[in-house]
Structures are given as structure tokens and as C-alpha cells.
């Protein structure tokens, strides 16, 4: 197998692990499914789809990076340590910031259509 094919295989295995074994994905995935369904029903324009897809990807990537940091910490330093705890808090804060940003982007992309839908 070529080096590049192996790298893609390993990367897809990582995505599969995140989807199967990370509980937080089971919070984000239903939210993403609802937003995608709503966006399809609203027949968004291409620029709105770009915002929605980017926002969803932002949250999932942040969650995967957070999970990777958590797994490394468990493997390398299983005992509690104040600085490690702070690093994990910062990592989780990154996910929170990504989720808040995604909500704002979602409001920008979906808001006008929802307002006009409910106003009529």
C-alpha cells in the first residue's frame, strides 16, 4: 500500500473512532442532522450552505482535537495534575467557542429565512 493511501486509511480510522467512541459526537451529530434537514427544507443558497457546512465542520474538528488531547493525556499522564487539568479545560473551551461560533453562523445563514417563514 502506498504511503499516501495508508495515511488516508489511518485518518479515516480516526474519524471512525470519533464517531463510534466519543460521546460528545452523539450530541453534535443530531444537532448537525437537524440543521442540515432544516437547511435542505429551506432550500438555502450556495453561500448559506457554505456557512452551514463550515460551521458544522468547525465544531466536529474542534471536538476531534479535544478528544485527541484527552486521549494523549490519559495515556501519558493518567494521574491528576493542575496544569494538565487546565490544558483540558482550555481544549474543552475551544469546543465551546466553536459551538458558539457555529450557532452565530447558523443564525446568519438560517435566520432571515426562518424569520420570513414565521412572519408569514
PDB file of N, CA and C in Angstrom:
ATOM      1  N   UNK A   1       0.852  -1.185   0.000  1.00  0.00           N
ATOM      2  CA  UNK A   1       0.000   0.000   0.000  1.00  0.00           C
ATOM      3  C   UNK A   1       0.891   1.240   0.000  1.00  0.00           C
ATOM      4  N   UNK A   2       0.518   2.215  -0.792  1.00  0.00           N
ATOM      5  CA  UNK A   2       1.342   3.419  -0.861  1.00  0.00           C
ATOM      6  C   UNK A   2       1.270   4.183   0.463  1.00  0.00           C
ATOM      7  N   UNK A   3       2.261   5.005   0.673  1.00  0.00           N
ATOM      8  CA  UNK A   3       2.327   5.795   1.904  1.00  0.00           C
ATOM      9  C   UNK A   3       1.090   6.684   2.034  1.00  0.00           C
ATOM     10  N   UNK A   4       0.674   7.307   0.930  1.00  0.00           N
ATOM     11  CA  UNK A   4      -0.475   8.218   0.990  1.00  0.00           C
ATOM     12  C   UNK A   4      -1.771   7.478   1.266  1.00  0.00           C
ATOM     13  N   UNK A   5      -1.945   6.325   0.647  1.00  0.00           N
ATOM     14  CA  UNK A   5      -3.159   5.542   0.913  1.00  0.00           C
ATOM     15  C   UNK A   5      -3.218   5.123   2.370  1.00  0.00           C
ATOM     16  N   UNK A   6      -2.090   4.761   2.928  1.00  0.00           N
ATOM     17  CA  UNK A   6      -2.048   4.386   4.333  1.00  0.00           C
ATOM     18  C   UNK A   6      -2.379   5.575   5.230  1.00  0.00           C
ATOM     19  N   UNK A   7      -1.901   6.745   4.879  1.00  0.00           N
ATOM     20  CA  UNK A   7      -2.203   7.949   5.674  1.00  0.00           C
ATOM     21  C   UNK A   7      -3.702   8.248   5.654  1.00  0.00           C
ATOM     22  N   UNK A   8      -4.316   8.102   4.485  1.00  0.00           N
ATOM     23  CA  UNK A   8      -5.762   8.315   4.409  1.00  0.00           C
ATOM     24  C   UNK A   8      -6.517   7.254   5.202  1.00  0.00           C
ATOM     25  N   UNK A   9      -6.052   6.019   5.137  1.00  0.00           N
ATOM     26  CA  UNK A   9      -6.693   4.938   5.882  1.00  0.00           C
ATOM     27  C   UNK A   9      -6.652   5.233   7.374  1.00  0.00           C
ATOM     28  N   UNK A  10      -5.482   5.642   7.867  1.00  0.00           N
ATOM     29  CA  UNK A  10      -5.324   5.966   9.280  1.00  0.00           C
ATOM     30  C   UNK A  10      -6.231   7.142   9.664  1.00  0.00           C
ATOM     31  N   UNK A  11      -6.287   8.156   8.807  1.00  0.00           N
ATOM     32  CA  UNK A  11      -7.134   9.323   9.088  1.00  0.00           C
ATOM     33  C   UNK A  11      -8.607   8.928   9.143  1.00  0.00           C
ATOM     34  N   UNK A  12      -9.055   8.102   8.206  1.00  0.00           N
ATOM     35  CA  UNK A  12     -10.450   7.649   8.231  1.00  0.00           C
ATOM     36  C   UNK A  12     -10.732   6.792   9.458  1.00  0.00           C
ATOM     37  N   UNK A  13      -9.753   6.019   9.893  1.00  0.00           N
ATOM     38  CA  UNK A  13      -9.922   5.248  11.133  1.00  0.00           C
ATOM     39  C   UNK A  13     -10.116   6.193  12.316  1.00  0.00           C
ATOM     40  N   UNK A  14      -9.383   7.289  12.327  1.00  0.00           N
ATOM     41  CA  UNK A  14      -9.539   8.283  13.395  1.00  0.00           C
ATOM     42  C   UNK A  14     -10.919   8.903  13.393  1.00  0.00           C
ATOM     43  N   UNK A  15     -11.434   9.222  12.214  1.00  0.00           N
ATOM     44  CA  UNK A  15     -12.795   9.764  12.117  1.00  0.00           C
ATOM     45  C   UNK A  15     -13.800   8.720  12.596  1.00  0.00           C
ATOM     46  N   UNK A  16     -13.597   7.479  12.183  1.00  0.00           N
ATOM     47  CA  UNK A  16     -14.489   6.405  12.608  1.00  0.00           C
ATOM     48  C   UNK A  16     -14.476   6.227  14.111  1.00  0.00           C
ATOM     49  N   UNK A  17     -13.294   6.294  14.728  1.00  0.00           N
ATOM     50  CA  UNK A  17     -13.195   6.197  16.178  1.00  0.00           C
ATOM     51  C   UNK A  17     -13.985   7.313  16.854  1.00  0.00           C
ATOM     52  N   UNK A  18     -13.824   8.520  16.353  1.00  0.00           N
ATOM     53  CA  UNK A  18     -14.531   9.655  16.955  1.00  0.00           C
ATOM     54  C   UNK A  18     -16.037   9.461  16.868  1.00  0.00           C
ATOM     55  N   UNK A  19     -16.523   8.991  15.721  1.00  0.00           N
ATOM     56  CA  UNK A  19     -17.962   8.793  15.556  1.00  0.00           C
ATOM     57  C   UNK A  19     -18.481   7.662  16.438  1.00  0.00           C
ATOM     58  N   UNK A  20     -17.680   6.603  16.616  1.00  0.00           N
ATOM     59  CA  UNK A  20     -18.148   5.448  17.375  1.00  0.00           C
ATOM     60  C   UNK A  20     -17.971   5.600  18.876  1.00  0.00           C
ATOM     61  N   UNK A  21     -16.847   6.158  19.298  1.00  0.00           N
ATOM     62  CA  UNK A  21     -16.469   6.062  20.700  1.00  0.00           C
ATOM     63  C   UNK A  21     -16.504   7.358  21.504  1.00  0.00           C
ATOM     64  N   UNK A  22     -16.719   8.476  20.876  1.00  0.00           N
ATOM     65  CA  UNK A  22     -16.713   9.742  21.608  1.00  0.00           C
ATOM     66  C   UNK A  22     -18.144  10.208  21.861  1.00  0.00           C
ATOM     67  N   UNK A  23     -18.527  10.236  23.114  1.00  0.00           N
ATOM     68  CA  UNK A  23     -19.897  10.565  23.500  1.00  0.00           C
ATOM     69  C   UNK A  23     -20.316  11.944  22.999  1.00  0.00           C
ATOM     70  N   UNK A  24     -19.398  12.883  23.009  1.00  0.00           N
ATOM     71  CA  UNK A  24     -19.734  14.247  22.603  1.00  0.00           C
ATOM     72  C   UNK A  24     -20.183  14.315  21.150  1.00  0.00           C
ATOM     73  N   UNK A  25     -19.705  13.391  20.317  1.00  0.00           N
ATOM     74  CA  UNK A  25     -20.165  13.373  18.934  1.00  0.00           C
ATOM     75  C   UNK A  25     -21.652  13.082  18.861  1.00  0.00           C
ATOM     76  N   UNK A  26     -22.161  12.323  19.817  1.00  0.00           N
ATOM     77  CA  UNK A  26     -23.586  11.976  19.810  1.00  0.00           C
ATOM     78  C   UNK A  26     -24.444  13.121  20.322  1.00  0.00           C
ATOM     79  N   UNK A  27     -23.823  14.201  20.728  1.00  0.00           N
ATOM     80  CA  UNK A  27     -24.537  15.449  20.995  1.00  0.00           C
ATOM     81  C   UNK A  27     -24.526  16.298  19.723  1.00  0.00           C
ATOM     82  N   UNK A  28     -23.354  16.398  19.102  1.00  0.00           N
ATOM     83  CA  UNK A  28     -23.199  17.263  17.933  1.00  0.00           C
ATOM     84  C   UNK A  28     -23.861  16.697  16.677  1.00  0.00           C
ATOM     85  N   UNK A  29     -23.808  15.399  16.494  1.00  0.00           N
ATOM     86  CA  UNK A  29     -24.354  14.811  15.263  1.00  0.00           C
ATOM     87  C   UNK A  29     -25.863  15.010  15.101  1.00  0.00           C
ATOM     88  N   UNK A  30     -26.679  14.777  16.130  1.00  0.00           N
ATOM     89  CA  UNK A  30     -28.113  15.062  15.945  1.00  0.00           C
ATOM     90  C   UNK A  30     -28.389  16.540  15.660  1.00  0.00           C
ATOM     91  N   UNK A  31     -27.644  17.421  16.309  1.00  0.00           N
ATOM     92  CA  UNK A  31     -27.807  18.856  16.029  1.00  0.00           C
ATOM     93  C   UNK A  31     -27.470  19.144  14.566  1.00  0.00           C
ATOM     94  N   UNK A  32     -26.370  18.574  14.084  1.00  0.00           N
ATOM     95  CA  UNK A  32     -25.973  18.777  12.687  1.00  0.00           C
ATOM     96  C   UNK A  32     -27.033  18.223  11.741  1.00  0.00           C
ATOM     97  N   UNK A  33     -27.572  17.058  12.064  1.00  0.00           N
ATOM     98  CA  UNK A  33     -28.609  16.452  11.210  1.00  0.00           C
ATOM     99  C   UNK A  33     -29.852  17.326  11.145  1.00  0.00           C
ATOM    100  N   UNK A  34     -30.244  17.885  12.272  1.00  0.00           N
ATOM    101  CA  UNK A  34     -31.420  18.771  12.305  1.00  0.00           C
ATOM    102  C   UNK A  34     -31.169  20.014  11.452  1.00  0.00           C
ATOM    103  N   UNK A  35     -30.006  20.609  11.600  1.00  0.00           N
ATOM    104  CA  UNK A  35     -29.682  21.822  10.846  1.00  0.00           C
ATOM    105  C   UNK A  35     -29.616  21.517   9.347  1.00  0.00           C
ATOM    106  N   UNK A  36     -29.008  20.398   8.972  1.00  0.00           N
ATOM    107  CA  UNK A  36     -28.923  20.036   7.551  1.00  0.00           C
ATOM    108  C   UNK A  36     -30.311  19.783   6.976  1.00  0.00           C
ATOM    109  N   UNK A  37     -31.162  19.111   7.740  1.00  0.00           N
ATOM    110  CA  UNK A  37     -32.535  18.861   7.291  1.00  0.00           C
ATOM    111  C   UNK A  37     -33.291  20.176   7.125  1.00  0.00           C
ATOM    112  N   UNK A  38     -33.164  21.057   8.094  1.00  0.00           N
ATOM    113  CA  UNK A  38     -33.818  22.365   8.018  1.00  0.00           C
ATOM    114  C   UNK A  38     -33.286  23.170   6.832  1.00  0.00           C
ATOM    115  N   UNK A  39     -31.984  23.143   6.625  1.00  0.00           N
ATOM    116  CA  UNK A  39     -31.379  23.882   5.510  1.00  0.00           C
ATOM    117  C   UNK A  39     -31.869  23.345   4.168  1.00  0.00           C
ATOM    118  N   UNK A  40     -31.979  22.030   4.059  1.00  0.00           N
ATOM    119  CA  UNK A  40     -32.479  21.436   2.810  1.00  0.00           C
ATOM    120  C   UNK A  40     -33.941  21.813   2.592  1.00  0.00           C
ATOM    121  N   UNK A  41     -34.721  21.771   3.649  1.00  0.00           N
ATOM    122  CA  UNK A  41     -36.137  22.129   3.549  1.00  0.00           C
ATOM    123  C   UNK A  41     -36.306  23.589   3.142  1.00  0.00           C
ATOM    124  N   UNK A  42     -35.406  24.457   3.638  1.00  0.00           N
ATOM    125  CA  UNK A  42     -35.472  25.888   3.327  1.00  0.00           C
ATOM    126  C   UNK A  42     -34.868  26.205   1.965  1.00  0.00           C
ATOM    127  N   UNK A  43     -34.229  25.237   1.324  1.00  0.00           N
ATOM    128  CA  UNK A  43     -33.582  25.427   0.019  1.00  0.00           C
ATOM    129  C   UNK A  43     -32.612  26.607   0.037  1.00  0.00           C
ATOM    130  N   UNK A  44     -31.621  26.474   0.886  1.00  0.00           N
ATOM    131  CA  UNK A  44     -30.635  27.542   1.033  1.00  0.00           C
ATOM    132  C   UNK A  44     -29.864  27.789  -0.257  1.00  0.00           C
ATOM    133  N   UNK A  45     -29.364  29.005  -0.374  1.00  0.00           N
ATOM    134  CA  UNK A  45     -28.473  29.354  -1.482  1.00  0.00           C
ATOM    135  C   UNK A  45     -27.088  28.778  -1.190  1.00  0.00           C
ATOM    136  N   UNK A  46     -26.249  28.751  -2.213  1.00  0.00           N
ATOM    137  CA  UNK A  46     -24.921  28.139  -2.081  1.00  0.00           C
ATOM    138  C   UNK A  46     -24.103  28.792  -0.963  1.00  0.00           C
ATOM    139  N   UNK A  47     -24.144  30.115  -0.842  1.00  0.00           N
ATOM    140  CA  UNK A  47     -23.357  30.783   0.193  1.00  0.00           C
ATOM    141  C   UNK A  47     -23.855  30.411   1.587  1.00  0.00           C
ATOM    142  N   UNK A  48     -25.164  30.194   1.728  1.00  0.00           N
ATOM    143  CA  UNK A  48     -25.702  29.788   3.024  1.00  0.00           C
ATOM    144  C   UNK A  48     -25.280  28.360   3.367  1.00  0.00           C
ATOM    145  N   UNK A  49     -25.298  27.480   2.345  1.00  0.00           N
ATOM    146  CA  UNK A  49     -24.827  26.117   2.554  1.00  0.00           C
ATOM    147  C   UNK A  49     -23.359  26.118   2.969  1.00  0.00           C
ATOM    148  N   UNK A  50     -22.570  26.982   2.352  1.00  0.00           N
ATOM    149  CA  UNK A  50     -21.149  27.060   2.696  1.00  0.00           C
ATOM    150  C   UNK A  50     -20.969  27.429   4.166  1.00  0.00           C
ATOM    151  N   UNK A  51     -21.765  28.349   4.648  1.00  0.00           N
ATOM    152  CA  UNK A  51     -21.692  28.740   6.059  1.00  0.00           C
ATOM    153  C   UNK A  51     -22.106  27.582   6.956  1.00  0.00           C
ATOM    154  N   UNK A  52     -23.201  26.922   6.632  1.00  0.00           N
ATOM    155  CA  UNK A  52     -23.709  25.823   7.450  1.00  0.00           C
ATOM    156  C   UNK A  52     -22.702  24.673   7.519  1.00  0.00           C
ATOM    157  N   UNK A  53     -22.186  24.271   6.363  1.00  0.00           N
ATOM    158  CA  UNK A  53     -21.233  23.155   6.325  1.00  0.00           C
ATOM    159  C   UNK A  53     -19.945  23.522   7.061  1.00  0.00           C
ATOM    160  N   UNK A  54     -19.474  24.735   6.872  1.00  0.00           N
ATOM    161  CA  UNK A  54     -18.263  25.182   7.563  1.00  0.00           C
ATOM    162  C   UNK A  54     -18.472  25.202   9.071  1.00  0.00           C
ATOM    163  N   UNK A  55     -19.618  25.676   9.507  1.00  0.00           N
ATOM    164  CA  UNK A  55     -19.902  25.733  10.944  1.00  0.00           C
ATOM    165  C   UNK A  55     -19.953  24.334  11.547  1.00  0.00           C
ATOM    166  N   UNK A  56     -20.597  23.407  10.869  1.00  0.00           N
ATOM    167  CA  UNK A  56     -20.675  22.030  11.370  1.00  0.00           C
ATOM    168  C   UNK A  56     -19.277  21.414  11.422  1.00  0.00           C
ATOM    169  N   UNK A  57     -18.507  21.605  10.363  1.00  0.00           N
ATOM    170  CA  UNK A  57     -17.146  21.060  10.325  1.00  0.00           C
ATOM    171  C   UNK A  57     -16.284  21.661  11.425  1.00  0.00           C
ATOM    172  N   UNK A  58     -16.436  22.957  11.679  1.00  0.00           N
ATOM    173  CA  UNK A  58     -15.678  23.628  12.731  1.00  0.00           C
ATOM    174  C   UNK A  58     -15.888  22.942  14.074  1.00  0.00           C
ATOM    175  N   UNK A  59     -17.125  22.650  14.406  1.00  0.00           N
ATOM    176  CA  UNK A  59     -17.434  22.024  15.693  1.00  0.00           C
ATOM    177  C   UNK A  59     -16.883  20.596  15.742  1.00  0.00           C
ATOM    178  N   UNK A  60     -17.076  19.831  14.673  1.00  0.00           N
ATOM    179  CA  UNK A  60     -16.607  18.445  14.670  1.00  0.00           C
ATOM    180  C   UNK A  60     -15.078  18.365  14.731  1.00  0.00           C
ATOM    181  N   UNK A  61     -14.398  19.249  14.025  1.00  0.00           N
ATOM    182  CA  UNK A  61     -12.931  19.274  14.072  1.00  0.00           C
ATOM    183  C   UNK A  61     -12.465  19.658  15.478  1.00  0.00           C
ATOM    184  N   UNK A  62     -13.074  20.669  16.069  1.00  0.00           N
ATOM    185  CA  UNK A  62     -12.699  21.071  17.432  1.00  0.00           C
ATOM    186  C   UNK A  62     -12.923  19.915  18.400  1.00  0.00           C
ATOM    187  N   UNK A  63     -14.019  19.212  18.237  1.00  0.00           N
ATOM    188  CA  UNK A  63     -14.320  18.077  19.114  1.00  0.00           C
ATOM    189  C   UNK A  63     -13.288  16.962  18.942  1.00  0.00           C
ATOM    190  N   UNK A  64     -12.877  16.706  17.695  1.00  0.00           N
ATOM    191  CA  UNK A  64     -11.872  15.676  17.463  1.00  0.00           C
ATOM    192  C   UNK A  64     -10.515  16.068  18.063  1.00  0.00           C
ATOM    193  N   UNK A  65     -10.137  17.326  17.932  1.00  0.00           N
ATOM    194  CA  UNK A  65      -8.879  17.774  18.531  1.00  0.00           C
ATOM    195  C   UNK A  65      -8.934  17.687  20.048  1.00  0.00           C
ATOM    196  N   UNK A  66     -10.062  18.053  20.631  1.00  0.00           N
ATOM    197  CA  UNK A  66     -10.245  17.942  22.067  1.00  0.00           C
ATOM    198  C   UNK A  66     -10.133  16.477  22.505  1.00  0.00           C
ATOM    199  N   UNK A  67     -10.765  15.591  21.757  1.00  0.00           N
ATOM    200  CA  UNK A  67     -10.703  14.155  22.080  1.00  0.00           C
ATOM    201  C   UNK A  67      -9.276  13.635  21.974  1.00  0.00           C
ATOM    202  N   UNK A  68      -8.539  14.081  20.968  1.00  0.00           N
ATOM    203  CA  UNK A  68      -7.153  13.648  20.803  1.00  0.00           C
ATOM    204  C   UNK A  68      -6.308  14.091  21.996  1.00  0.00           C
ATOM    205  N   UNK A  69      -6.505  15.316  22.448  1.00  0.00           N
ATOM    206  CA  UNK A  69      -5.752  15.813  23.606  1.00  0.00           C
ATOM    207  C   UNK A  69      -6.116  15.002  24.848  1.00  0.00           C
ATOM    208  N   UNK A  70      -7.396  14.727  25.046  1.00  0.00           N
ATOM    209  CA  UNK A  70      -7.826  13.936  26.200  1.00  0.00           C
ATOM    210  C   UNK A  70      -7.203  12.539  26.175  1.00  0.00           C
ATOM    211  N   UNK A  71      -7.182  11.893  25.009  1.00  0.00           N
ATOM    212  CA  UNK A  71      -6.608  10.553  24.897  1.00  0.00           C
ATOM    213  C   UNK A  71      -5.106  10.570  25.177  1.00  0.00           C
ATOM    214  N   UNK A  72      -4.404  11.573  24.661  1.00  0.00           N
ATOM    215  CA  UNK A  72      -2.976  11.679  24.923  1.00  0.00           C
ATOM    216  C   UNK A  72      -2.693  11.868  26.412  1.00  0.00           C
ATOM    217  N   UNK A  73      -3.474  12.710  27.048  1.00  0.00           N
ATOM    218  CA  UNK A  73      -3.279  12.952  28.479  1.00  0.00           C
ATOM    219  C   UNK A  73      -3.496  11.663  29.268  1.00  0.00           C
ATOM    220  N   UNK A  74      -4.556  10.925  28.946  1.00  0.00           N
ATOM    221  CA  UNK A  74      -4.813   9.667  29.654  1.00  0.00           C
ATOM    222  C   UNK A  74      -3.675   8.675  29.470  1.00  0.00           C
ATOM    223  N   UNK A  75      -3.092   8.650  28.282  1.00  0.00           N
ATOM    224  CA  UNK A  75      -2.010   7.708  28.009  1.00  0.00           C
ATOM    225  C   UNK A  75      -0.691   8.141  28.649  1.00  0.00           C
ATOM    226  N   UNK A  76      -0.387   9.424  28.605  1.00  0.00           N
ATOM    227  CA  UNK A  76       0.922   9.897  29.048  1.00  0.00           C
ATOM    228  C   UNK A  76       0.987  10.261  30.528  1.00  0.00           C
ATOM    229  N   UNK A  77      -0.122  10.713  31.074  1.00  0.00           N
ATOM    230  CA  UNK A  77      -0.107  11.168  32.473  1.00  0.00           C
ATOM    231  C   UNK A  77      -1.470  10.891  33.092  1.00  0.00           C
ATOM    232  N   UNK A  78      -1.718   9.641  33.481  1.00  0.00           N
ATOM    233  CA  UNK A  78      -3.051   9.293  33.981  1.00  0.00           C
ATOM    234  C   UNK A  78      -3.407   9.913  35.335  1.00  0.00           C
ATOM    235  N   UNK A  79      -2.428  10.387  36.075  1.00  0.00           N
ATOM    236  CA  UNK A  79      -2.706  10.979  37.385  1.00  0.00           C
ATOM    237  C   UNK A  79      -3.069  12.451  37.244  1.00  0.00           C
ATOM    238  N   UNK A  80      -3.980  12.927  38.092  1.00  0.00           N
ATOM    239  CA  UNK A  80      -4.374  14.344  38.020  1.00  0.00           C
ATOM    240  C   UNK A  80      -3.177  15.282  38.239  1.00  0.00           C
ATOM    241  N   UNK A  81      -3.201  16.374  37.504  1.00  0.00           N
ATOM    242  CA  UNK A  81      -2.167  17.404  37.641  1.00  0.00           C
ATOM    243  C   UNK A  81      -2.820  18.734  37.292  1.00  0.00           C
ATOM    244  N   UNK A  82      -2.572  19.784  38.080  1.00  0.00           N
ATOM    245  CA  UNK A  82      -3.254  21.069  37.837  1.00  0.00           C
ATOM    246  C   UNK A  82      -3.036  21.642  36.438  1.00  0.00           C
ATOM    247  N   UNK A  83      -1.832  21.564  35.913  1.00  0.00           N
ATOM    248  CA  UNK A  83      -1.583  22.125  34.584  1.00  0.00           C
ATOM    249  C   UNK A  83      -2.250  21.291  33.495  1.00  0.00           C
ATOM    250  N   UNK A  84      -2.274  19.985  33.676  1.00  0.00           N
ATOM    251  CA  UNK A  84      -2.957  19.135  32.710  1.00  0.00           C
ATOM    252  C   UNK A  84      -4.457  19.419  32.753  1.00  0.00           C
ATOM    253  N   UNK A  85      -4.988  19.585  33.948  1.00  0.00           N
ATOM    254  CA  UNK A  85      -6.405  19.939  34.083  1.00  0.00           C
ATOM    255  C   UNK A  85      -6.719  21.249  33.385  1.00  0.00           C
ATOM    256  N   UNK A  86      -5.826  22.205  33.524  1.00  0.00           N
ATOM    257  CA  UNK A  86      -6.023  23.495  32.862  1.00  0.00           C
ATOM    258  C   UNK A  86      -5.970  23.338  31.346  1.00  0.00           C
ATOM    259  N   UNK A  87      -5.030  22.529  30.853  1.00  0.00           N
ATOM    260  CA  UNK A  87      -4.930  22.288  29.405  1.00  0.00           C
ATOM    261  C   UNK A  87      -6.205  21.634  28.886  1.00  0.00           C
ATOM    262  N   UNK A  88      -6.752  20.681  29.627  1.00  0.00           N
ATOM    263  CA  UNK A  88      -8.001  20.034  29.214  1.00  0.00           C
ATOM    264  C   UNK A  88      -9.168  21.023  29.234  1.00  0.00           C
ATOM    265  N   UNK A  89      -9.167  21.918  30.221  1.00  0.00           N
ATOM    266  CA  UNK A  89     -10.212  22.954  30.279  1.00  0.00           C
ATOM    267  C   UNK A  89     -10.121  23.886  29.070  1.00  0.00           C
ATOM    268  N   UNK A  90      -8.903  24.265  28.712  1.00  0.00           N
ATOM    269  CA  UNK A  90      -8.711  25.141  27.549  1.00  0.00           C
ATOM    270  C   UNK A  90      -9.177  24.434  26.280  1.00  0.00           C
ATOM    271  N   UNK A  91      -8.855  23.161  26.164  1.00  0.00           N
ATOM    272  CA  UNK A  91      -9.277  22.381  24.999  1.00  0.00           C
ATOM    273  C   UNK A  91     -10.802  22.297  24.919  1.00  0.00           C
ATOM    274  N   UNK A  92     -11.436  22.032  26.049  1.00  0.00           N
ATOM    275  CA  UNK A  92     -12.902  21.995  26.074  1.00  0.00           C
ATOM    276  C   UNK A  92     -13.484  23.368  25.776  1.00  0.00           C
ATOM    277  N   UNK A  93     -12.813  24.416  26.240  1.00  0.00           N
ATOM    278  CA  UNK A  93     -13.251  25.771  25.928  1.00  0.00           C
ATOM    279  C   UNK A  93     -13.189  26.061  24.438  1.00  0.00           C
ATOM    280  N   UNK A  94     -12.215  25.474  23.758  1.00  0.00           N
ATOM    281  CA  UNK A  94     -12.133  25.617  22.308  1.00  0.00           C
ATOM    282  C   UNK A  94     -13.352  25.020  21.621  1.00  0.00           C
ATOM    283  N   UNK A  95     -13.812  23.886  22.117  1.00  0.00           N
ATOM    284  CA  UNK A  95     -15.026  23.277  21.559  1.00  0.00           C
ATOM    285  C   UNK A  95     -16.232  24.173  21.818  1.00  0.00           C
ATOM    286  N   UNK A  96     -16.310  24.706  23.029  1.00  0.00           N
ATOM    287  CA  UNK A  96     -17.419  25.610  23.353  1.00  0.00           C
ATOM    288  C   UNK A  96     -17.400  26.839  22.452  1.00  0.00           C
ATOM    289  N   UNK A  97     -16.243  27.427  22.245  1.00  0.00           N
ATOM    290  CA  UNK A  97     -16.129  28.590  21.369  1.00  0.00           C
ATOM    291  C   UNK A  97     -16.524  28.237  19.934  1.00  0.00           C
ATOM    292  N   UNK A  98     -16.116  27.064  19.468  1.00  0.00           N
ATOM    293  CA  UNK A  98     -16.505  26.614  18.126  1.00  0.00           C
ATOM    294  C   UNK A  98     -18.021  26.450  18.034  1.00  0.00           C
ATOM    295  N   UNK A  99     -18.630  25.886  19.063  1.00  0.00           N
ATOM    296  CA  UNK A  99     -20.081  25.685  19.051  1.00  0.00           C
ATOM    297  C   UNK A  99     -20.834  27.017  19.075  1.00  0.00           C
ATOM    298  N   UNK A 100     -20.360  27.967  19.869  1.00  0.00           N
ATOM    299  CA  UNK A 100     -20.996  29.293  19.908  1.00  0.00           C
ATOM    300  C   UNK A 100     -20.853  29.978  18.550  1.00  0.00           C
ATOM    301  N   UNK A 101     -19.660  29.889  17.957  1.00  0.00           N
ATOM    302  CA  UNK A 101     -19.440  30.465  16.630  1.00  0.00           C
ATOM    303  C   UNK A 101     -20.348  29.819  15.601  1.00  0.00           C
ATOM    304  N   UNK A 102     -20.497  28.493  15.676  1.00  0.00           N
ATOM    305  CA  UNK A 102     -21.380  27.784  14.746  1.00  0.00           C
ATOM    306  C   UNK A 102     -22.825  28.238  14.908  1.00  0.00           C
ATOM    307  N   UNK A 103     -23.256  28.465  16.139  1.00  0.00           N
ATOM    308  CA  UNK A 103     -24.620  28.944  16.368  1.00  0.00           C
ATOM    309  C   UNK A 103     -24.821  30.334  15.760  1.00  0.00           C
ATOM    310  N   UNK A 104     -23.830  31.191  15.896  1.00  0.00           N
ATOM    311  CA  UNK A 104     -23.918  32.533  15.307  1.00  0.00           C
ATOM    312  C   UNK A 104     -23.945  32.443  13.781  1.00  0.00           C
ATOM    313  N   UNK A 105     -23.069  31.609  13.222  1.00  0.00           N
ATOM    314  CA  UNK A 105     -23.061  31.430  11.767  1.00  0.00           C
ATOM    315  C   UNK A 105     -24.380  30.839  11.282  1.00  0.00           C
ATOM    316  N   UNK A 106     -24.923  29.899  12.048  1.00  0.00           N
ATOM    317  CA  UNK A 106     -26.219  29.324  11.700  1.00  0.00           C
ATOM    318  C   UNK A 106     -27.317  30.366  11.712  1.00  0.00           C
ATOM    319  N   UNK A 107     -27.274  31.258  12.686  1.00  0.00           N
ATOM    320  CA  UNK A 107     -28.273  32.321  12.744  1.00  0.00           C
ATOM    321  C   UNK A 107     -28.145  33.255  11.540  1.00  0.00           C
ATOM    322  N   UNK A 108     -26.921  33.517  11.113  1.00  0.00           N
ATOM    323  CA  UNK A 108     -26.710  34.363   9.936  1.00  0.00           C
ATOM    324  C   UNK A 108     -27.256  33.687   8.684  1.00  0.00           C
ATOM    325  N   UNK A 109     -26.985  32.382   8.544  1.00  0.00           N
ATOM    326  CA  UNK A 109     -27.384  31.666   7.331  1.00  0.00           C
ATOM    327  C   UNK A 109     -28.871  31.327   7.315  1.00  0.00           C
ATOM    328  N   UNK A 110     -29.407  30.918   8.456  1.00  0.00           N
ATOM    329  CA  UNK A 110     -30.790  30.442   8.505  1.00  0.00           C
ATOM    330  C   UNK A 110     -31.780  31.481   9.022  1.00  0.00           C
ATOM    331  N   UNK A 111     -31.277  32.444   9.778  1.00  0.00           N
ATOM    332  CA  UNK A 111     -32.156  33.408  10.437  1.00  0.00           C
ATOM    333  C   UNK A 111     -33.126  34.137   9.554  1.00  0.00           C
ATOM    334  N   UNK A 112     -32.668  34.785   8.485  1.00  0.00           N
ATOM    335  CA  UNK A 112     -33.595  35.536   7.647  1.00  0.00           C
ATOM    336  C   UNK A 112     -34.723  34.653   7.068  1.00  0.00           C
ATOM    337  N   UNK A 113     -34.368  33.455   6.652  1.00  0.00           N
ATOM    338  CA  UNK A 113     -35.395  32.554   6.111  1.00  0.00           C
ATOM    339  C   UNK A 113     -36.386  32.125   7.169  1.00  0.00           C
ATOM    340  N   UNK A 114     -35.907  31.865   8.376  1.00  0.00           N
ATOM    341  CA  UNK A 114     -36.807  31.466   9.461  1.00  0.00           C
ATOM    342  C   UNK A 114     -37.719  32.618   9.870  1.00  0.00           C
ATOM    343  N   UNK A 115     -37.160  33.818   9.923  1.00  0.00           N
ATOM    344  CA  UNK A 115     -37.968  34.982  10.282  1.00  0.00           C
ATOM    345  C   UNK A 115     -39.087  35.193   9.269  1.00  0.00           C
ATOM    346  N   UNK A 116     -38.755  35.134   7.985  1.00  0.00           N
ATOM    347  CA  UNK A 116     -39.785  35.341   6.971  1.00  0.00           C
ATOM    348  C   UNK A 116     -40.800  34.187   6.955  1.00  0.00           C
ATOM    349  N   UNK A 117     -40.349  32.988   7.281  1.00  0.00           N
ATOM    350  CA  UNK A 117     -41.256  31.838   7.334  1.00  0.00           C
ATOM    351  C   UNK A 117     -42.279  32.003   8.448  1.00  0.00           C
ATOM    352  N   UNK A 118     -41.816  32.406   9.620  1.00  0.00           N
ATOM    353  CA  UNK A 118     -42.723  32.553  10.749  1.00  0.00           C
ATOM    354  C   UNK A 118     -43.507  33.853  10.718  1.00  0.00           C
ATOM    355  N   UNK A 119     -43.011  34.851   9.981  1.00  0.00           N
ATOM    356  CA  UNK A 119     -43.731  36.129   9.881  1.00  0.00           C
ATOM    357  C   UNK A 119     -44.914  36.041   8.954  1.00  0.00           C
ATOM    358  N   UNK A 120     -44.881  35.077   8.026  1.00  0.00           N
ATOM    359  CA  UNK A 120     -45.988  34.990   7.056  1.00  0.00           C
ATOM    360  C   UNK A 120     -47.084  34.042   7.502  1.00  0.00           C
TER     361      UNK A 120
END
